Amino acid sequence: MAVPKRKTTRAVRDARRSQHHVEAPSRSLCSQCHQPKLPHRVCPECGYYDGKEIIDTE
């Protein structure tokens, strides 16, 4: 079993943990209605994906 030879300092520990923050999801614009949407998903406003109507929103 691996055991650390030296105590990990607070600076090293915290520097490693600085990458563990949560980021907001990225947004892209719909090519049909130009509303913000999540990438690689059907637009909730118009129902289009990749230039094709997937969901009838009317």
N, C-alpha and C. Protein backbone atom coordinates (compact mmCIF):
# COMPACT_ATOMS: atom_id res chain seq x y z
N MET A 1 0.84 -1.17 0.00
CA MET A 1 0.00 0.00 0.00
C MET A 1 0.89 1.24 0.00
N ALA A 2 0.54 2.22 -0.84
CA ALA A 2 1.33 3.44 -0.95
C ALA A 2 1.06 4.35 0.23
N VAL A 3 2.14 4.85 0.84
CA VAL A 3 2.04 5.76 1.97
C VAL A 3 2.90 6.97 1.66
N PRO A 4 2.38 8.21 1.86
CA PRO A 4 3.19 9.39 1.57
C PRO A 4 4.42 9.47 2.47
N LYS A 5 5.55 9.83 1.88
CA LYS A 5 6.78 9.95 2.65
C LYS A 5 6.81 11.25 3.45
N ARG A 6 6.21 12.31 2.92
CA ARG A 6 6.18 13.61 3.59
C ARG A 6 4.74 14.12 3.65
N LYS A 7 4.49 14.98 4.64
CA LYS A 7 3.16 15.59 4.77
C LYS A 7 2.94 16.57 3.62
N THR A 8 1.77 16.52 3.01
CA THR A 8 1.43 17.46 1.95
C THR A 8 1.10 18.81 2.57
N THR A 9 1.77 19.85 2.10
CA THR A 9 1.57 21.18 2.67
C THR A 9 0.22 21.75 2.24
N ARG A 10 -0.24 22.73 2.98
CA ARG A 10 -1.52 23.37 2.65
C ARG A 10 -1.46 24.03 1.28
N ALA A 11 -0.31 24.60 0.92
CA ALA A 11 -0.18 25.28 -0.36
C ALA A 11 -0.31 24.28 -1.52
N VAL A 12 0.33 23.14 -1.40
CA VAL A 12 0.26 22.14 -2.46
C VAL A 12 -1.15 21.55 -2.53
N ARG A 13 -1.72 21.26 -1.39
CA ARG A 13 -3.09 20.71 -1.34
C ARG A 13 -4.09 21.67 -1.95
N ASP A 14 -4.01 22.96 -1.57
CA ASP A 14 -4.97 23.94 -2.06
C ASP A 14 -4.75 24.27 -3.53
N ALA A 15 -3.51 24.23 -3.98
CA ALA A 15 -3.23 24.46 -5.40
C ALA A 15 -3.83 23.35 -6.24
N ARG A 16 -3.78 22.14 -5.76
CA ARG A 16 -4.40 21.02 -6.48
C ARG A 16 -5.92 21.16 -6.50
N ARG A 17 -6.49 21.57 -5.39
CA ARG A 17 -7.94 21.69 -5.30
C ARG A 17 -8.49 22.91 -6.03
N SER A 18 -7.64 23.83 -6.45
CA SER A 18 -8.12 25.02 -7.13
C SER A 18 -8.75 24.70 -8.48
N GLN A 19 -8.47 23.52 -9.01
CA GLN A 19 -9.04 23.10 -10.30
C GLN A 19 -10.40 22.44 -10.14
N HIS A 20 -10.87 22.26 -8.92
CA HIS A 20 -12.09 21.49 -8.67
C HIS A 20 -13.34 22.36 -8.60
N HIS A 21 -13.28 23.58 -9.10
CA HIS A 21 -14.44 24.47 -9.00
C HIS A 21 -15.50 24.10 -10.04
N VAL A 22 -16.71 24.54 -9.80
CA VAL A 22 -17.84 24.26 -10.69
C VAL A 22 -17.98 25.40 -11.67
N GLU A 23 -18.15 25.07 -12.95
CA GLU A 23 -18.32 26.08 -13.98
C GLU A 23 -19.75 26.08 -14.48
N ALA A 24 -20.22 27.22 -14.92
CA ALA A 24 -21.55 27.31 -15.51
C ALA A 24 -21.55 26.61 -16.87
N PRO A 25 -22.66 25.98 -17.24
CA PRO A 25 -22.70 25.31 -18.54
C PRO A 25 -22.58 26.32 -19.68
N SER A 26 -21.89 25.92 -20.73
CA SER A 26 -21.71 26.81 -21.87
C SER A 26 -23.02 26.90 -22.66
N ARG A 27 -23.19 28.01 -23.34
CA ARG A 27 -24.39 28.25 -24.13
C ARG A 27 -23.99 28.50 -25.58
N SER A 28 -24.87 28.12 -26.50
CA SER A 28 -24.70 28.46 -27.89
C SER A 28 -26.01 29.04 -28.39
N LEU A 29 -25.98 29.65 -29.56
CA LEU A 29 -27.19 30.24 -30.11
C LEU A 29 -27.83 29.29 -31.12
N CYS A 30 -29.14 29.23 -31.08
CA CYS A 30 -29.89 28.41 -32.02
C CYS A 30 -29.76 29.03 -33.41
N SER A 31 -29.55 28.21 -34.43
CA SER A 31 -29.40 28.73 -35.78
C SER A 31 -30.73 29.17 -36.39
N GLN A 32 -31.85 28.72 -35.84
CA GLN A 32 -33.16 29.09 -36.37
C GLN A 32 -33.70 30.36 -35.69
N CYS A 33 -33.82 30.35 -34.36
CA CYS A 33 -34.45 31.46 -33.64
C CYS A 33 -33.45 32.35 -32.91
N HIS A 34 -32.18 31.96 -32.89
CA HIS A 34 -31.09 32.74 -32.28
C HIS A 34 -31.29 32.95 -30.77
N GLN A 35 -31.93 32.01 -30.11
CA GLN A 35 -32.08 32.04 -28.66
C GLN A 35 -30.97 31.18 -28.05
N PRO A 36 -30.50 31.51 -26.84
CA PRO A 36 -29.46 30.68 -26.22
C PRO A 36 -30.00 29.29 -25.87
N LYS A 37 -29.16 28.27 -26.09
CA LYS A 37 -29.52 26.89 -25.79
C LYS A 37 -28.27 26.13 -25.43
N LEU A 38 -28.44 24.97 -24.82
CA LEU A 38 -27.30 24.11 -24.52
C LEU A 38 -26.81 23.45 -25.80
N PRO A 39 -25.50 23.32 -25.99
CA PRO A 39 -24.99 22.72 -27.21
C PRO A 39 -25.37 21.25 -27.33
N HIS A 40 -25.57 20.79 -28.56
CA HIS A 40 -25.91 19.41 -28.89
C HIS A 40 -27.25 18.99 -28.30
N ARG A 41 -28.18 19.92 -28.20
CA ARG A 41 -29.52 19.62 -27.70
C ARG A 41 -30.54 20.35 -28.55
N VAL A 42 -31.77 19.84 -28.54
CA VAL A 42 -32.85 20.48 -29.27
C VAL A 42 -33.17 21.82 -28.62
N CYS A 43 -33.42 22.83 -29.43
CA CYS A 43 -33.76 24.15 -28.91
C CYS A 43 -35.12 24.09 -28.25
N PRO A 44 -35.23 24.52 -26.99
CA PRO A 44 -36.53 24.47 -26.31
C PRO A 44 -37.52 25.51 -26.83
N GLU A 45 -37.04 26.55 -27.52
CA GLU A 45 -37.92 27.61 -28.02
C GLU A 45 -38.60 27.21 -29.32
N CYS A 46 -37.80 26.75 -30.30
CA CYS A 46 -38.38 26.46 -31.62
C CYS A 46 -38.45 24.97 -31.94
N GLY A 47 -37.72 24.12 -31.20
CA GLY A 47 -37.77 22.68 -31.43
C GLY A 47 -36.89 22.18 -32.56
N TYR A 48 -35.94 22.99 -33.01
CA TYR A 48 -35.06 22.59 -34.11
C TYR A 48 -33.73 22.07 -33.57
N TYR A 49 -33.14 21.14 -34.33
CA TYR A 49 -31.78 20.66 -34.06
C TYR A 49 -31.14 20.35 -35.39
N ASP A 50 -29.97 20.89 -35.64
CA ASP A 50 -29.20 20.66 -36.86
C ASP A 50 -30.01 21.03 -38.10
N GLY A 51 -30.80 22.10 -38.01
CA GLY A 51 -31.56 22.58 -39.15
C GLY A 51 -32.83 21.80 -39.44
N LYS A 52 -33.17 20.84 -38.59
CA LYS A 52 -34.38 20.03 -38.79
C LYS A 52 -35.31 20.20 -37.60
N GLU A 53 -36.61 20.21 -37.88
CA GLU A 53 -37.58 20.32 -36.80
C GLU A 53 -37.74 18.95 -36.14
N ILE A 54 -37.44 18.88 -34.86
CA ILE A 54 -37.49 17.63 -34.11
C ILE A 54 -38.77 17.58 -33.28
N ILE A 55 -39.11 18.70 -32.64
CA ILE A 55 -40.28 18.77 -31.77
C ILE A 55 -41.21 19.85 -32.30
N ASP A 56 -42.49 19.53 -32.39
CA ASP A 56 -43.48 20.53 -32.79
C ASP A 56 -43.83 21.36 -31.56
N THR A 57 -43.44 22.62 -31.54
CA THR A 57 -43.65 23.46 -30.35
C THR A 57 -44.95 24.26 -30.42
N GLU A 58 -45.68 24.16 -31.51
CA GLU A 58 -46.92 24.93 -31.63
C GLU A 58 -48.12 24.14 -31.21
